[in-house]
Amino acid sequence: MKNKAIAFLAALGGGLFASAAHADKPVDWQLGLQPAATGIMEEVRWFEHYTLWFIVPITLFVLALLIVVVVKFRASANPVPSKTSHNTAIEVVWTLGPVVILLFLAVPSFQLLTAQLTPPPNPDLTIKATGNQWYWSYEYEAGENPLSFDSLLLKDVDRASFGKEDKAAYPHLLAVDNDIVVPVGKTVRLLVTAADVIHAFAMPAFGVKIDAIPGRLNETWFKADREGLYYGQCSELCGKDHAYMPIAIRVVAQDKYDAWFAAAGSNLGEANKALIASADGAAKTVTVAENVAE
């Protein structure tokens, strides 16, 4: 019993440090939205549930009307159809009803759109994302020490060299060679553009989706509430390799971010390996502790 208690505490403590190994990504047979990692995505999920309270009754009501029409007004049951052409009460209802429903949908919808596209006045970090055929380029605006790099699809044969043996956390066609790394709980201002054709930067767990248009700079923001590795993709048809330009954002503690950023300026590859090793090592600690507890 004592050993199990110790193992449980070890697993709990390891979990606090292993959250960076967690990955949010599409899963087989997924019907709903991904779990929210930001406050904006929480609002998106709420709005989805809110709209269902309108969509489901309307759908059932229309279905009921269709059944009534089919049964009651078919030729055999109603050989002499009514010649009524106007009904003031019905016309008022079917005009005002949709207007009221649209108002109930429009108000929270506009509020959510405003929140998504209005960054807080003093962001902690600004990153510029540029879509290329077919990869992403990122620039960190960090005063005297800017950082820029390209992020390409990580091929399966290259996973071992990056220490990415966990295929569940680093999935096929979603993992990249260079993740965006941001600190948890910090406001990140995201500037999005493109170098050639129209792309779109989409991160489902963050509630972020914005077009990348050549010659135009679009702006959005996010603040990740929990550590982890989050996956998105280009969501605008941009050519033959559109399906091969994923997006990966790794959210880590502030101290890990600081260490990564300091090292990335001189050697990005080694900085990534060190960050990944710390996350994978913490995850293995939790796994071992759970096995001991069993």
Protein backbone atom coordinates (compact mmCIF):
# COMPACT_ATOMS: atom_id res chain seq x y z
CA MET A 1 0.00 0.00 0.00
CA LYS A 2 2.83 2.35 0.90
CA ASN A 3 4.58 1.63 -2.40
CA LYS A 4 1.39 2.37 -4.32
CA ALA A 5 0.98 5.68 -2.49
CA ILE A 6 4.57 6.65 -3.30
CA ALA A 7 4.07 5.64 -6.91
CA PHE A 8 0.87 7.64 -7.11
CA LEU A 9 2.61 10.74 -5.78
CA ALA A 10 5.44 10.22 -8.23
CA ALA A 11 2.99 9.92 -11.09
CA LEU A 12 1.17 13.03 -9.95
CA GLY A 13 4.38 15.02 -9.66
CA GLY A 14 5.62 13.68 -12.97
CA GLY A 15 2.33 14.63 -14.59
CA LEU A 16 2.86 18.24 -13.60
CA PHE A 17 6.15 18.27 -15.47
CA ALA A 18 5.04 16.00 -18.30
CA SER A 19 2.16 18.03 -19.60
CA ALA A 20 4.32 19.20 -22.48
CA ALA A 21 4.27 15.65 -23.84
CA HIS A 22 0.50 15.83 -24.24
CA ALA A 23 -0.63 16.25 -27.83
CA ASP A 24 -3.94 17.52 -29.18
CA LYS A 25 -4.66 16.25 -32.67
CA PRO A 26 -7.47 14.74 -34.72
CA VAL A 27 -8.46 11.24 -33.65
CA ASP A 28 -10.24 8.41 -35.45
CA TRP A 29 -14.04 8.73 -35.55
CA GLN A 30 -13.94 12.13 -33.90
CA LEU A 31 -17.37 13.80 -34.06
CA GLY A 32 -16.92 16.87 -31.86
CA LEU A 33 -14.42 19.69 -31.65
CA GLN A 34 -10.99 19.18 -30.12
CA PRO A 35 -10.61 19.91 -26.38
CA ALA A 36 -10.12 23.61 -25.76
CA ALA A 37 -6.64 24.85 -24.88
CA THR A 38 -7.54 28.56 -24.87
CA GLY A 39 -10.34 30.74 -23.56
CA ILE A 40 -11.38 31.58 -27.12
CA MET A 41 -11.81 27.90 -27.96
CA GLU A 42 -13.92 27.47 -24.83
CA GLU A 43 -16.22 30.16 -26.22
CA VAL A 44 -16.24 28.46 -29.63
CA ARG A 45 -17.31 25.19 -28.02
CA TRP A 46 -20.00 27.02 -26.01
CA PHE A 47 -21.30 28.71 -29.16
CA GLU A 48 -21.51 25.35 -30.95
CA HIS A 49 -23.64 23.91 -28.14
CA TYR A 50 -25.70 27.10 -28.02
CA THR A 51 -26.57 26.96 -31.74
CA LEU A 52 -27.70 23.34 -31.41
CA TRP A 53 -30.57 24.53 -29.18
CA PHE A 54 -31.85 26.35 -32.29
CA ILE A 55 -30.79 23.94 -35.03
CA VAL A 56 -32.29 20.77 -33.54
CA PRO A 57 -35.83 22.17 -32.85
CA ILE A 58 -35.92 23.88 -36.26
CA THR A 59 -34.88 20.67 -38.01
CA LEU A 60 -37.51 18.63 -36.13
CA PHE A 61 -40.17 21.28 -36.83
CA VAL A 62 -39.45 21.29 -40.57
CA LEU A 63 -39.46 17.48 -40.58
CA ALA A 64 -42.85 17.48 -38.86
CA LEU A 65 -44.23 19.94 -41.42
CA LEU A 66 -42.99 17.76 -44.27
CA ILE A 67 -44.65 14.70 -42.76
CA VAL A 68 -47.92 16.60 -42.32
CA VAL A 69 -47.80 17.78 -45.94
CA VAL A 70 -47.04 14.28 -47.25
CA VAL A 71 -49.78 12.61 -45.19
CA LYS A 72 -52.54 15.20 -45.08
CA PHE A 73 -52.22 16.84 -48.47
CA ARG A 74 -51.44 13.91 -50.72
CA ALA A 75 -53.75 13.50 -53.72
CA SER A 76 -55.68 10.52 -52.33
CA ALA A 77 -56.40 12.21 -48.96
CA ASN A 78 -57.05 15.70 -50.37
CA PRO A 79 -58.52 15.39 -53.87
CA VAL A 80 -59.81 18.98 -53.87
CA PRO A 81 -56.97 21.26 -52.70
CA SER A 82 -57.64 24.57 -50.99
CA LYS A 83 -57.32 27.71 -53.09
CA THR A 84 -56.29 29.88 -50.13
CA SER A 85 -53.44 32.15 -51.26
CA HIS A 86 -52.77 34.32 -48.17
CA ASN A 87 -52.79 33.92 -44.40
CA THR A 88 -51.70 37.07 -42.59
CA ALA A 89 -50.93 35.37 -39.27
CA ILE A 90 -48.71 32.71 -40.86
CA GLU A 91 -46.88 35.29 -42.98
CA VAL A 92 -46.15 37.43 -39.93
CA VAL A 93 -44.87 34.43 -37.97
CA TRP A 94 -42.60 33.09 -40.71
CA THR A 95 -41.17 36.58 -41.25
CA LEU A 96 -40.57 37.62 -37.64
CA GLY A 97 -39.61 34.16 -36.36
CA PRO A 98 -36.43 33.80 -38.43
CA VAL A 99 -35.49 37.43 -37.71
CA VAL A 100 -35.67 36.83 -33.94
CA ILE A 101 -33.73 33.57 -34.24
CA LEU A 102 -31.01 35.25 -36.31
CA LEU A 103 -30.69 38.00 -33.71
CA PHE A 104 -30.13 35.40 -30.99
CA LEU A 105 -27.42 33.84 -33.16
CA ALA A 106 -25.85 37.06 -34.45
CA VAL A 107 -25.17 38.80 -31.14
CA PRO A 108 -22.96 36.09 -29.55
CA SER A 109 -21.45 35.32 -32.96
CA PHE A 110 -20.27 38.90 -33.48
CA GLN A 111 -18.97 39.06 -29.92
CA LEU A 112 -16.94 35.90 -30.49
CA LEU A 113 -15.55 37.13 -33.81
CA THR A 114 -14.52 40.41 -32.18
CA ALA A 115 -12.75 38.56 -29.36
CA GLN A 116 -10.94 36.28 -31.83
CA LEU A 117 -9.63 39.10 -34.00
CA THR A 118 -8.88 41.76 -31.36
CA PRO A 119 -5.56 41.01 -29.66
CA PRO A 120 -4.99 42.39 -26.15
CA PRO A 121 -3.12 45.72 -26.22
CA ASN A 122 0.17 44.44 -24.77
CA PRO A 123 1.00 40.93 -26.05
CA ASP A 124 3.85 39.04 -24.39
CA LEU A 125 5.14 37.65 -27.69
CA THR A 126 4.70 38.42 -31.39
CA ILE A 127 5.21 35.77 -34.06
CA LYS A 128 4.90 36.23 -37.80
CA ALA A 129 3.78 33.17 -39.79
CA THR A 130 4.35 33.12 -43.55
CA GLY A 131 2.77 30.45 -45.73
CA ASN A 132 4.86 29.08 -48.57
CA GLN A 133 4.31 26.35 -51.12
CA TRP A 134 4.39 24.10 -49.12
CA TYR A 135 5.73 24.89 -45.66
CA TRP A 136 5.56 27.60 -43.01
CA SER A 137 8.16 30.19 -42.03
CA TYR A 138 8.14 31.80 -38.59
CA GLU A 139 9.73 34.94 -37.21
CA TYR A 140 9.88 35.79 -33.51
CA GLU A 141 9.95 39.50 -32.85
CA ALA A 142 12.19 39.65 -29.81
CA GLY A 143 13.98 42.96 -29.84
CA GLU A 144 17.69 42.63 -30.45
CA ASN A 145 17.56 38.84 -30.75
CA PRO A 146 15.01 37.95 -33.45
CA LEU A 147 14.60 34.30 -34.36
CA SER A 148 13.38 32.92 -37.68
CA PHE A 149 13.13 29.42 -39.11
CA ASP A 150 11.20 27.25 -41.55
CA SER A 151 8.88 24.44 -40.46
CA LEU A 152 8.43 21.49 -42.79
CA LEU A 153 6.57 18.22 -42.58
CA LEU A 154 8.60 15.67 -40.62
CA LYS A 155 8.97 12.49 -42.62
CA ASP A 156 8.46 9.20 -40.83
CA VAL A 157 12.02 8.08 -41.54
CA ASP A 158 13.35 11.17 -39.76
CA ARG A 159 11.51 10.71 -36.48
CA ALA A 160 14.24 8.66 -34.80
CA SER A 161 16.85 11.34 -35.45
CA PHE A 162 14.66 13.86 -33.63
CA GLY A 163 13.95 11.49 -30.74
CA LYS A 164 10.33 11.29 -31.81
CA GLU A 165 9.64 7.59 -31.36
CA ASP A 166 6.18 8.17 -29.91
CA LYS A 167 3.96 7.97 -32.99
CA ALA A 168 0.87 8.84 -30.94
CA ALA A 169 2.32 12.19 -29.88
CA TYR A 170 4.01 12.84 -33.24
CA PRO A 171 1.47 11.61 -35.80
CA HIS A 172 1.93 10.89 -39.47
CA LEU A 173 1.47 13.98 -41.69
CA LEU A 174 1.11 16.31 -38.69
CA ALA A 175 4.54 16.34 -37.00
CA VAL A 176 7.05 18.95 -38.19
CA ASP A 177 10.79 19.35 -37.92
CA ASN A 178 10.62 22.72 -36.13
CA ASP A 179 7.69 23.40 -33.79
CA ILE A 180 6.53 26.85 -32.81
CA VAL A 181 7.45 27.11 -29.12
CA VAL A 182 5.52 29.46 -26.85
CA PRO A 183 5.25 29.87 -23.06
CA VAL A 184 2.07 28.76 -21.31
CA GLY A 185 -0.31 31.43 -20.05
CA LYS A 186 1.20 34.18 -22.22
CA THR A 187 -0.57 36.24 -24.86
CA VAL A 188 0.84 35.55 -28.32
CA ARG A 189 0.11 37.99 -31.14
CA LEU A 190 0.12 36.19 -34.47
CA LEU A 191 0.74 38.00 -37.75
CA VAL A 192 -0.12 35.88 -40.78
CA THR A 193 0.75 36.38 -44.44
CA ALA A 194 1.81 34.37 -47.50
CA ALA A 195 4.66 34.50 -49.97
CA ASP A 196 2.96 33.01 -53.05
CA VAL A 197 -0.69 31.90 -52.97
CA ILE A 198 -3.46 32.04 -50.37
CA HIS A 199 -2.92 29.72 -47.38
CA ALA A 200 -4.72 29.56 -44.03
CA PHE A 201 -3.27 29.16 -40.54
CA ALA A 202 -5.54 26.92 -38.47
CA MET A 203 -5.06 25.57 -34.95
CA PRO A 204 -8.31 23.87 -33.83
CA ALA A 205 -7.48 23.52 -30.13
CA PHE A 206 -6.79 27.27 -29.93
CA GLY A 207 -9.84 28.43 -31.88
CA VAL A 208 -7.54 30.05 -34.44
CA LYS A 209 -8.16 30.07 -38.19
CA ILE A 210 -7.10 32.97 -40.37
CA ASP A 211 -6.20 33.38 -44.03
CA ALA A 212 -2.62 33.98 -45.15
CA ILE A 213 -2.84 36.27 -48.17
CA PRO A 214 0.12 37.51 -50.26
CA GLY A 215 0.71 41.22 -49.77
CA ARG A 216 -1.59 41.40 -46.75
CA LEU A 217 -0.88 41.01 -43.04
CA ASN A 218 -3.72 39.48 -41.03
CA GLU A 219 -3.65 39.49 -37.25
CA THR A 220 -5.01 37.21 -34.54
CA TRP A 221 -3.91 36.00 -31.11
CA PHE A 222 -4.04 33.15 -28.61
CA LYS A 223 -3.15 32.39 -25.01
CA ALA A 224 -2.66 28.69 -24.29
CA ASP A 225 -3.91 27.68 -20.84
CA ARG A 226 -2.09 24.35 -20.61
CA GLU A 227 1.17 22.89 -21.77
CA GLY A 228 1.20 20.42 -24.61
CA LEU A 229 1.86 19.84 -28.29
CA TYR A 230 -0.93 21.04 -30.57
CA TYR A 231 -1.43 20.31 -34.24
CA GLY A 232 -3.12 22.20 -37.04
CA GLN A 233 -2.84 22.46 -40.80
CA CYS A 234 -3.11 24.82 -43.71
CA SER A 235 -6.86 25.08 -44.32
CA GLU A 236 -6.92 26.72 -47.74
CA LEU A 237 -6.41 24.75 -50.94
CA CYS A 238 -3.01 26.01 -52.04
CA GLY A 239 -1.72 23.52 -54.58
CA LYS A 240 -0.64 19.93 -54.98
CA ASP A 241 1.10 19.66 -51.58
CA HIS A 242 -1.61 21.45 -49.61
CA ALA A 243 -2.04 18.40 -47.38
CA TYR A 244 1.65 18.39 -46.45
CA MET A 245 2.13 21.70 -44.61
CA PRO A 246 1.04 21.04 -41.02
CA ILE A 247 1.41 23.37 -38.06
CA ALA A 248 2.74 22.34 -34.64
CA ILE A 249 2.76 24.56 -31.56
CA ARG A 250 4.55 23.36 -28.45
CA VAL A 251 3.42 25.11 -25.26
CA VAL A 252 5.94 24.88 -22.41
CA ALA A 253 6.69 26.45 -19.06
CA GLN A 254 8.32 29.88 -19.10
CA ASP A 255 11.73 28.61 -17.94
CA LYS A 256 11.81 25.96 -20.66
CA TYR A 257 10.82 28.53 -23.26
CA ASP A 258 13.57 30.90 -22.11
CA ALA A 259 16.16 28.13 -22.30
CA TRP A 260 14.95 27.05 -25.74
CA PHE A 261 14.91 30.58 -27.13
CA ALA A 262 18.41 31.33 -25.82
CA ALA A 263 19.78 28.17 -27.43
CA ALA A 264 17.74 28.38 -30.65
CA GLY A 265 19.49 31.54 -31.77
CA SER A 266 22.78 29.70 -32.26
CA ASN A 267 21.62 26.13 -32.92
CA LEU A 268 17.91 25.55 -33.48
CA GLY A 269 18.25 21.80 -34.01
CA GLU A 270 20.01 21.19 -30.72
CA ALA A 271 17.59 23.49 -28.89
CA ASN A 272 14.67 21.48 -30.26
CA LYS A 273 16.26 18.17 -29.29
CA ALA A 274 16.88 19.37 -25.74
CA LEU A 275 13.30 20.59 -25.40
CA ILE A 276 11.86 17.38 -26.85
CA ALA A 277 14.08 15.25 -24.63
CA SER A 278 12.86 17.04 -21.52
CA ALA A 279 9.23 16.52 -22.53
CA ASP A 280 9.69 12.88 -23.55
CA GLY A 281 11.69 12.14 -20.40
CA ALA A 282 8.96 13.55 -18.20
CA ALA A 283 6.34 11.49 -20.03
CA LYS A 284 8.37 8.31 -19.49
CA THR A 285 8.60 9.13 -15.78
CA VAL A 286 4.81 9.17 -15.57
CA THR A 287 4.53 5.89 -17.49
CA VAL A 288 6.99 4.13 -15.18
CA ALA A 289 5.22 5.45 -12.08
CA GLU A 290 1.85 4.26 -13.39
CA ASN A 291 3.25 0.78 -14.07
CA VAL A 292 4.66 0.60 -10.55
CA ALA A 293 1.32 1.65 -9.11
CA GLU A 294 -0.39 -1.19 -10.94
